[in-house]
Amino acid sequence: MLVEGLFRYAMRRVLIGLSREIEYELRNDLFAHLLRLPLSYYHRQRVGDVMNRAVSDLSAVRMVLAPASCTRPTRWPPSWPPAP
């Protein structure tokens, strides 16, 4: 029981760290893309909308990557599509 708990803790630390690293890389890629956009794009879009998309969408990606990867399937091997 103790070993399982320690293993699960270590696994979650690694997976959460990886999800944050992926989020960091995605943010850098998005920032580089935003720098390459023409000025006309920024004339058409409101700054708040651009910032909101950049922050909330990438945070949502991280939240999907970390917790989803920490759950274990109830059936091994998992079947797709799941049975009703």
PDB file of N, CA and C in Angstrom:
ATOM      1  N   MET A   1       0.824  -1.184   0.000  1.00  0.00           N
ATOM      2  CA  MET A   1       0.000   0.000   0.000  1.00  0.00           C
ATOM      3  C   MET A   1       0.876   1.258   0.000  1.00  0.00           C
ATOM      4  N   LEU A   2       1.898   1.281   0.820  1.00  0.00           N
ATOM      5  CA  LEU A   2       2.783   2.441   0.896  1.00  0.00           C
ATOM      6  C   LEU A   2       3.552   2.614  -0.410  1.00  0.00           C
ATOM      7  N   VAL A   3       4.034   1.510  -0.948  1.00  0.00           N
ATOM      8  CA  VAL A   3       4.788   1.578  -2.206  1.00  0.00           C
ATOM      9  C   VAL A   3       3.890   2.083  -3.331  1.00  0.00           C
ATOM     10  N   GLU A   4       2.653   1.612  -3.366  1.00  0.00           N
ATOM     11  CA  GLU A   4       1.709   2.071  -4.392  1.00  0.00           C
ATOM     12  C   GLU A   4       1.459   3.569  -4.265  1.00  0.00           C
ATOM     13  N   GLY A   5       1.303   4.051  -3.036  1.00  0.00           N
ATOM     14  CA  GLY A   5       1.093   5.482  -2.809  1.00  0.00           C
ATOM     15  C   GLY A   5       2.289   6.307  -3.249  1.00  0.00           C
ATOM     16  N   LEU A   6       3.484   5.839  -2.930  1.00  0.00           N
ATOM     17  CA  LEU A   6       4.695   6.554  -3.334  1.00  0.00           C
ATOM     18  C   LEU A   6       4.843   6.565  -4.856  1.00  0.00           C
ATOM     19  N   PHE A   7       4.548   5.426  -5.469  1.00  0.00           N
ATOM     20  CA  PHE A   7       4.623   5.357  -6.926  1.00  0.00           C
ATOM     21  C   PHE A   7       3.616   6.298  -7.568  1.00  0.00           C
ATOM     22  N   ARG A   8       2.408   6.318  -7.049  1.00  0.00           N
ATOM     23  CA  ARG A   8       1.371   7.200  -7.605  1.00  0.00           C
ATOM     24  C   ARG A   8       1.771   8.669  -7.436  1.00  0.00           C
ATOM     25  N   TYR A   9       2.337   9.017  -6.267  1.00  0.00           N
ATOM     26  CA  TYR A   9       2.794  10.392  -6.026  1.00  0.00           C
ATOM     27  C   TYR A   9       3.878  10.772  -7.035  1.00  0.00           C
ATOM     28  N   ALA A  10       4.860   9.887  -7.222  1.00  0.00           N
ATOM     29  CA  ALA A  10       5.950  10.174  -8.163  1.00  0.00           C
ATOM     30  C   ALA A  10       5.423  10.300  -9.586  1.00  0.00           C
ATOM     31  N   MET A  11       4.498   9.426  -9.956  1.00  0.00           N
ATOM     32  CA  MET A  11       3.934   9.469 -11.291  1.00  0.00           C
ATOM     33  C   MET A  11       3.214  10.797 -11.535  1.00  0.00           C
ATOM     34  N   ARG A  12       2.441  11.231 -10.559  1.00  0.00           N
ATOM     35  CA  ARG A  12       1.718  12.498 -10.719  1.00  0.00           C
ATOM     36  C   ARG A  12       2.673  13.675 -10.800  1.00  0.00           C
ATOM     37  N   ARG A  13       3.730  13.659 -10.003  1.00  0.00           N
ATOM     38  CA  ARG A  13       4.708  14.752 -10.069  1.00  0.00           C
ATOM     39  C   ARG A  13       5.327  14.832 -11.463  1.00  0.00           C
ATOM     40  N   VAL A  14       5.680  13.694 -12.018  1.00  0.00           N
ATOM     41  CA  VAL A  14       6.283  13.667 -13.349  1.00  0.00           C
ATOM     42  C   VAL A  14       5.287  14.147 -14.398  1.00  0.00           C
ATOM     43  N   LEU A  15       4.068  13.636 -14.348  1.00  0.00           N
ATOM     44  CA  LEU A  15       3.077  13.991 -15.359  1.00  0.00           C
ATOM     45  C   LEU A  15       2.665  15.455 -15.274  1.00  0.00           C
ATOM     46  N   ILE A  16       2.522  15.960 -14.073  1.00  0.00           N
ATOM     47  CA  ILE A  16       2.180  17.377 -13.930  1.00  0.00           C
ATOM     48  C   ILE A  16       3.336  18.250 -14.413  1.00  0.00           C
ATOM     49  N   GLY A  17       4.566  17.834 -14.108  1.00  0.00           N
ATOM     50  CA  GLY A  17       5.734  18.559 -14.613  1.00  0.00           C
ATOM     51  C   GLY A  17       5.789  18.562 -16.129  1.00  0.00           C
ATOM     52  N   LEU A  18       5.492  17.415 -16.731  1.00  0.00           N
ATOM     53  CA  LEU A  18       5.475  17.339 -18.192  1.00  0.00           C
ATOM     54  C   LEU A  18       4.383  18.208 -18.789  1.00  0.00           C
ATOM     55  N   SER A  19       3.223  18.223 -18.150  1.00  0.00           N
ATOM     56  CA  SER A  19       2.138  19.047 -18.690  1.00  0.00           C
ATOM     57  C   SER A  19       2.499  20.528 -18.612  1.00  0.00           C
ATOM     58  N   ARG A  20       3.178  20.935 -17.552  1.00  0.00           N
ATOM     59  CA  ARG A  20       3.617  22.332 -17.452  1.00  0.00           C
ATOM     60  C   ARG A  20       4.685  22.652 -18.491  1.00  0.00           C
ATOM     61  N   GLU A  21       5.552  21.683 -18.756  1.00  0.00           N
ATOM     62  CA  GLU A  21       6.583  21.891 -19.773  1.00  0.00           C
ATOM     63  C   GLU A  21       5.951  22.022 -21.163  1.00  0.00           C
ATOM     64  N   ILE A  22       4.957  21.198 -21.448  1.00  0.00           N
ATOM     65  CA  ILE A  22       4.246  21.288 -22.722  1.00  0.00           C
ATOM     66  C   ILE A  22       3.542  22.639 -22.833  1.00  0.00           C
ATOM     67  N   GLU A  23       2.915  23.067 -21.741  1.00  0.00           N
ATOM     68  CA  GLU A  23       2.244  24.369 -21.747  1.00  0.00           C
ATOM     69  C   GLU A  23       3.257  25.487 -22.009  1.00  0.00           C
ATOM     70  N   TYR A  24       4.432  25.407 -21.394  1.00  0.00           N
ATOM     71  CA  TYR A  24       5.474  26.413 -21.602  1.00  0.00           C
ATOM     72  C   TYR A  24       5.880  26.474 -23.081  1.00  0.00           C
ATOM     73  N   GLU A  25       6.091  25.311 -23.682  1.00  0.00           N
ATOM     74  CA  GLU A  25       6.466  25.269 -25.099  1.00  0.00           C
ATOM     75  C   GLU A  25       5.349  25.816 -25.984  1.00  0.00           C
ATOM     76  N   LEU A  26       4.117  25.461 -25.672  1.00  0.00           N
ATOM     77  CA  LEU A  26       2.984  25.979 -26.454  1.00  0.00           C
ATOM     78  C   LEU A  26       2.872  27.494 -26.333  1.00  0.00           C
ATOM     79  N   ARG A  27       3.087  28.013 -25.130  1.00  0.00           N
ATOM     80  CA  ARG A  27       3.040  29.471 -24.944  1.00  0.00           C
ATOM     81  C   ARG A  27       4.119  30.159 -25.758  1.00  0.00           C
ATOM     82  N   ASN A  28       5.324  29.597 -25.765  1.00  0.00           N
ATOM     83  CA  ASN A  28       6.407  30.190 -26.558  1.00  0.00           C
ATOM     84  C   ASN A  28       6.086  30.148 -28.044  1.00  0.00           C
ATOM     85  N   ASP A  29       5.531  29.030 -28.496  1.00  0.00           N
ATOM     86  CA  ASP A  29       5.145  28.921 -29.911  1.00  0.00           C
ATOM     87  C   ASP A  29       4.051  29.930 -30.257  1.00  0.00           C
ATOM     88  N   LEU A  30       3.080  30.064 -29.372  1.00  0.00           N
ATOM     89  CA  LEU A  30       1.992  31.020 -29.617  1.00  0.00           C
ATOM     90  C   LEU A  30       2.525  32.451 -29.646  1.00  0.00           C
ATOM     91  N   PHE A  31       3.404  32.784 -28.714  1.00  0.00           N
ATOM     92  CA  PHE A  31       3.978  34.129 -28.679  1.00  0.00           C
ATOM     93  C   PHE A  31       4.753  34.424 -29.960  1.00  0.00           C
ATOM     94  N   ALA A  32       5.542  33.443 -30.418  1.00  0.00           N
ATOM     95  CA  ALA A  32       6.286  33.629 -31.666  1.00  0.00           C
ATOM     96  C   ALA A  32       5.321  33.817 -32.838  1.00  0.00           C
ATOM     97  N   HIS A  33       4.225  33.082 -32.833  1.00  0.00           N
ATOM     98  CA  HIS A  33       3.220  33.231 -33.891  1.00  0.00           C
ATOM     99  C   HIS A  33       2.570  34.613 -33.843  1.00  0.00           C
ATOM    100  N   LEU A  34       2.251  35.067 -32.636  1.00  0.00           N
ATOM    101  CA  LEU A  34       1.623  36.389 -32.496  1.00  0.00           C
ATOM    102  C   LEU A  34       2.564  37.500 -32.969  1.00  0.00           C
ATOM    103  N   LEU A  35       3.851  37.309 -32.771  1.00  0.00           N
ATOM    104  CA  LEU A  35       4.811  38.311 -33.243  1.00  0.00           C
ATOM    105  C   LEU A  35       4.892  38.360 -34.768  1.00  0.00           C
ATOM    106  N   ARG A  36       4.611  37.234 -35.414  1.00  0.00           N
ATOM    107  CA  ARG A  36       4.689  37.180 -36.884  1.00  0.00           C
ATOM    108  C   ARG A  36       3.424  37.673 -37.572  1.00  0.00           C
ATOM    109  N   LEU A  37       2.342  37.846 -36.827  1.00  0.00           N
ATOM    110  CA  LEU A  37       1.087  38.289 -37.447  1.00  0.00           C
ATOM    111  C   LEU A  37       1.208  39.730 -37.924  1.00  0.00           C
ATOM    112  N   PRO A  38       0.533  40.056 -39.010  1.00  0.00           N
ATOM    113  CA  PRO A  38       0.589  41.446 -39.507  1.00  0.00           C
ATOM    114  C   PRO A  38      -0.151  42.390 -38.557  1.00  0.00           C
ATOM    115  N   LEU A  39       0.190  43.647 -38.608  1.00  0.00           N
ATOM    116  CA  LEU A  39      -0.455  44.645 -37.754  1.00  0.00           C
ATOM    117  C   LEU A  39      -1.945  44.748 -38.027  1.00  0.00           C
ATOM    118  N   SER A  40      -2.344  44.442 -39.247  1.00  0.00           N
ATOM    119  CA  SER A  40      -3.772  44.520 -39.569  1.00  0.00           C
ATOM    120  C   SER A  40      -4.589  43.543 -38.708  1.00  0.00           C
ATOM    121  N   TYR A  41      -3.997  42.429 -38.316  1.00  0.00           N
ATOM    122  CA  TYR A  41      -4.698  41.483 -37.447  1.00  0.00           C
ATOM    123  C   TYR A  41      -5.056  42.159 -36.123  1.00  0.00           C
ATOM    124  N   TYR A  42      -4.123  42.904 -35.581  1.00  0.00           N
ATOM    125  CA  TYR A  42      -4.351  43.564 -34.294  1.00  0.00           C
ATOM    126  C   TYR A  42      -5.304  44.746 -34.405  1.00  0.00           C
ATOM    127  N   HIS A  43      -5.454  45.273 -35.604  1.00  0.00           N
ATOM    128  CA  HIS A  43      -6.442  46.321 -35.799  1.00  0.00           C
ATOM    129  C   HIS A  43      -7.855  45.742 -35.810  1.00  0.00           C
ATOM    130  N   ARG A  44      -7.981  44.510 -36.276  1.00  0.00           N
ATOM    131  CA  ARG A  44      -9.293  43.862 -36.338  1.00  0.00           C
ATOM    132  C   ARG A  44      -9.690  43.201 -35.015  1.00  0.00           C
ATOM    133  N   GLN A  45      -8.714  42.744 -34.245  1.00  0.00           N
ATOM    134  CA  GLN A  45      -8.997  42.014 -33.002  1.00  0.00           C
ATOM    135  C   GLN A  45      -8.750  42.912 -31.797  1.00  0.00           C
ATOM    136  N   ARG A  46      -9.580  42.753 -30.787  1.00  0.00           N
ATOM    137  CA  ARG A  46      -9.346  43.504 -29.559  1.00  0.00           C
ATOM    138  C   ARG A  46      -8.235  42.817 -28.766  1.00  0.00           C
ATOM    139  N   VAL A  47      -7.415  43.619 -28.122  1.00  0.00           N
ATOM    140  CA  VAL A  47      -6.272  43.090 -27.374  1.00  0.00           C
ATOM    141  C   VAL A  47      -6.741  42.137 -26.275  1.00  0.00           C
ATOM    142  N   GLY A  48      -7.812  42.482 -25.606  1.00  0.00           N
ATOM    143  CA  GLY A  48      -8.333  41.634 -24.536  1.00  0.00           C
ATOM    144  C   GLY A  48      -8.757  40.265 -25.041  1.00  0.00           C
ATOM    145  N   ASP A  49      -9.333  40.208 -26.244  1.00  0.00           N
ATOM    146  CA  ASP A  49      -9.727  38.921 -26.818  1.00  0.00           C
ATOM    147  C   ASP A  49      -8.509  38.048 -27.120  1.00  0.00           C
ATOM    148  N   VAL A  50      -7.479  38.666 -27.668  1.00  0.00           N
ATOM    149  CA  VAL A  50      -6.251  37.920 -27.986  1.00  0.00           C
ATOM    150  C   VAL A  50      -5.622  37.393 -26.699  1.00  0.00           C
ATOM    151  N   MET A  51      -5.528  38.235 -25.684  1.00  0.00           N
ATOM    152  CA  MET A  51      -4.932  37.817 -24.412  1.00  0.00           C
ATOM    153  C   MET A  51      -5.766  36.736 -23.739  1.00  0.00           C
ATOM    154  N   ASN A  52      -7.075  36.877 -23.785  1.00  0.00           N
ATOM    155  CA  ASN A  52      -7.948  35.890 -23.166  1.00  0.00           C
ATOM    156  C   ASN A  52      -7.775  34.528 -23.811  1.00  0.00           C
ATOM    157  N   ARG A  53      -7.722  34.503 -25.126  1.00  0.00           N
ATOM    158  CA  ARG A  53      -7.531  33.229 -25.822  1.00  0.00           C
ATOM    159  C   ARG A  53      -6.186  32.616 -25.476  1.00  0.00           C
ATOM    160  N   ALA A  54      -5.157  33.448 -25.434  1.00  0.00           N
ATOM    161  CA  ALA A  54      -3.813  32.938 -25.160  1.00  0.00           C
ATOM    162  C   ALA A  54      -3.729  32.343 -23.755  1.00  0.00           C
ATOM    163  N   VAL A  55      -4.317  32.999 -22.789  1.00  0.00           N
ATOM    164  CA  VAL A  55      -4.194  32.540 -21.402  1.00  0.00           C
ATOM    165  C   VAL A  55      -5.135  31.384 -21.108  1.00  0.00           C
ATOM    166  N   SER A  56      -6.401  31.533 -21.409  1.00  0.00           N
ATOM    167  CA  SER A  56      -7.366  30.519 -20.995  1.00  0.00           C
ATOM    168  C   SER A  56      -7.253  29.230 -21.808  1.00  0.00           C
ATOM    169  N   ASP A  57      -7.007  29.332 -23.094  1.00  0.00           N
ATOM    170  CA  ASP A  57      -6.923  28.123 -23.908  1.00  0.00           C
ATOM    171  C   ASP A  57      -5.710  27.276 -23.538  1.00  0.00           C
ATOM    172  N   LEU A  58      -4.575  27.913 -23.321  1.00  0.00           N
ATOM    173  CA  LEU A  58      -3.387  27.134 -22.977  1.00  0.00           C
ATOM    174  C   LEU A  58      -3.471  26.571 -21.567  1.00  0.00           C
ATOM    175  N   SER A  59      -4.096  27.280 -20.658  1.00  0.00           N
ATOM    176  CA  SER A  59      -4.303  26.722 -19.319  1.00  0.00           C
ATOM    177  C   SER A  59      -5.241  25.528 -19.376  1.00  0.00           C
ATOM    178  N   ALA A  60      -6.232  25.600 -20.240  1.00  0.00           N
ATOM    179  CA  ALA A  60      -7.161  24.479 -20.394  1.00  0.00           C
ATOM    180  C   ALA A  60      -6.434  23.255 -20.947  1.00  0.00           C
ATOM    181  N   VAL A  61      -5.503  23.463 -21.849  1.00  0.00           N
ATOM    182  CA  VAL A  61      -4.721  22.350 -22.388  1.00  0.00           C
ATOM    183  C   VAL A  61      -3.927  21.683 -21.271  1.00  0.00           C
ATOM    184  N   ARG A  62      -3.295  22.483 -20.421  1.00  0.00           N
ATOM    185  CA  ARG A  62      -2.531  21.923 -19.311  1.00  0.00           C
ATOM    186  C   ARG A  62      -3.426  21.153 -18.360  1.00  0.00           C
ATOM    187  N   MET A  63      -4.600  21.690 -18.093  1.00  0.00           N
ATOM    188  CA  MET A  63      -5.510  21.021 -17.175  1.00  0.00           C
ATOM    189  C   MET A  63      -6.022  19.704 -17.748  1.00  0.00           C
ATOM    190  N   VAL A  64      -6.102  19.620 -19.060  1.00  0.00           N
ATOM    191  CA  VAL A  64      -6.517  18.362 -19.684  1.00  0.00           C
ATOM    192  C   VAL A  64      -5.370  17.363 -19.656  1.00  0.00           C
ATOM    193  N   LEU A  65      -4.166  17.821 -19.924  1.00  0.00           N
ATOM    194  CA  LEU A  65      -3.028  16.908 -19.983  1.00  0.00           C
ATOM    195  C   LEU A  65      -2.690  16.291 -18.634  1.00  0.00           C
ATOM    196  N   ALA A  66      -2.628  17.082 -17.585  1.00  0.00           N
ATOM    197  CA  ALA A  66      -2.170  16.562 -16.289  1.00  0.00           C
ATOM    198  C   ALA A  66      -3.187  15.630 -15.635  1.00  0.00           C
ATOM    199  N   PRO A  67      -4.394  16.077 -15.318  1.00  0.00           N
ATOM    200  CA  PRO A  67      -5.310  15.168 -14.627  1.00  0.00           C
ATOM    201  C   PRO A  67      -5.722  13.971 -15.471  1.00  0.00           C
ATOM    202  N   ALA A  68      -5.880  14.162 -16.758  1.00  0.00           N
ATOM    203  CA  ALA A  68      -6.308  13.049 -17.605  1.00  0.00           C
ATOM    204  C   ALA A  68      -5.242  11.969 -17.646  1.00  0.00           C
ATOM    205  N   SER A  69      -3.987  12.378 -17.585  1.00  0.00           N
ATOM    206  CA  SER A  69      -2.926  11.384 -17.644  1.00  0.00           C
ATOM    207  C   SER A  69      -2.701  10.715 -16.293  1.00  0.00           C
ATOM    208  N   CYS A  70      -3.258  11.263 -15.221  1.00  0.00           N
ATOM    209  CA  CYS A  70      -3.089  10.680 -13.893  1.00  0.00           C
ATOM    210  C   CYS A  70      -4.167   9.661 -13.556  1.00  0.00           C
ATOM    211  N   THR A  71      -5.191   9.580 -14.359  1.00  0.00           N
ATOM    212  CA  THR A  71      -6.254   8.618 -14.066  1.00  0.00           C
ATOM    213  C   THR A  71      -5.920   7.288 -14.696  1.00  0.00           C
ATOM    214  N   ARG A  72      -6.356   6.250 -14.054  1.00  0.00           N
ATOM    215  CA  ARG A  72      -6.102   4.936 -14.618  1.00  0.00           C
ATOM    216  C   ARG A  72      -7.388   4.385 -15.219  1.00  0.00           C
ATOM    217  N   PRO A  73      -7.242   3.666 -16.312  1.00  0.00           N
ATOM    218  CA  PRO A  73      -8.447   3.105 -16.917  1.00  0.00           C
ATOM    219  C   PRO A  73      -9.055   2.052 -15.999  1.00  0.00           C
ATOM    220  N   THR A  74     -10.371   1.919 -16.057  1.00  0.00           N
ATOM    221  CA  THR A  74     -11.031   0.928 -15.222  1.00  0.00           C
ATOM    222  C   THR A  74     -10.896  -0.459 -15.816  1.00  0.00           C
ATOM    223  N   ARG A  75     -10.521  -0.522 -17.043  1.00  0.00           N
ATOM    224  CA  ARG A  75     -10.393  -1.797 -17.728  1.00  0.00           C
ATOM    225  C   ARG A  75      -9.074  -1.844 -18.481  1.00  0.00           C
ATOM    226  N   TRP A  76      -8.346  -2.906 -18.380  1.00  0.00           N
ATOM    227  CA  TRP A  76      -7.084  -2.999 -19.110  1.00  0.00           C
ATOM    228  C   TRP A  76      -7.107  -4.226 -19.986  1.00  0.00           C
ATOM    229  N   PRO A  77      -6.813  -4.187 -21.217  1.00  0.00           N
ATOM    230  CA  PRO A  77      -6.572  -2.975 -21.997  1.00  0.00           C
ATOM    231  C   PRO A  77      -7.880  -2.229 -22.255  1.00  0.00           C
ATOM    232  N   PRO A  78      -7.797  -0.901 -22.336  1.00  0.00           N
ATOM    233  CA  PRO A  78      -9.038  -0.136 -22.564  1.00  0.00           C
ATOM    234  C   PRO A  78      -9.599  -0.434 -23.952  1.00  0.00           C
ATOM    235  N   SER A  79     -10.885  -0.462 -24.034  1.00  0.00           N
ATOM    236  CA  SER A  79     -11.525  -0.714 -25.333  1.00  0.00           C
ATOM    237  C   SER A  79     -12.043   0.596 -25.889  1.00  0.00           C
ATOM    238  N   TRP A  80     -11.992   0.720 -27.197  1.00  0.00           N
ATOM    239  CA  TRP A  80     -12.503   1.934 -27.826  1.00  0.00           C
ATOM    240  C   TRP A  80     -13.407   1.521 -28.952  1.00  0.00           C
ATOM    241  N   PRO A  81     -14.557   2.014 -29.097  1.00  0.00           N
ATOM    242  CA  PRO A  81     -15.211   2.968 -28.203  1.00  0.00           C
ATOM    243  C   PRO A  81     -15.664   2.299 -26.920  1.00  0.00           C
ATOM    244  N   PRO A  82     -15.802   3.087 -25.853  1.00  0.00           N
ATOM    245  CA  PRO A  82     -16.214   2.510 -24.586  1.00  0.00           C
ATOM    246  C   PRO A  82     -17.590   1.862 -24.692  1.00  0.00           C
ATOM    247  N   ALA A  83     -17.752   0.805 -23.956  1.00  0.00           N
ATOM    248  CA  ALA A  83     -19.039   0.113 -23.952  1.00  0.00           C
ATOM    249  C   ALA A  83     -20.087   0.975 -23.279  1.00  0.00           C
ATOM    250  N   PRO A  84     -21.341   0.958 -23.764  1.00  0.00           N
ATOM    251  CA  PRO A  84     -22.392   1.811 -23.150  1.00  0.00           C
ATOM    252  C   PRO A  84     -22.781   1.320 -21.771  1.00  0.00           C
TER     253      PRO A  84
END
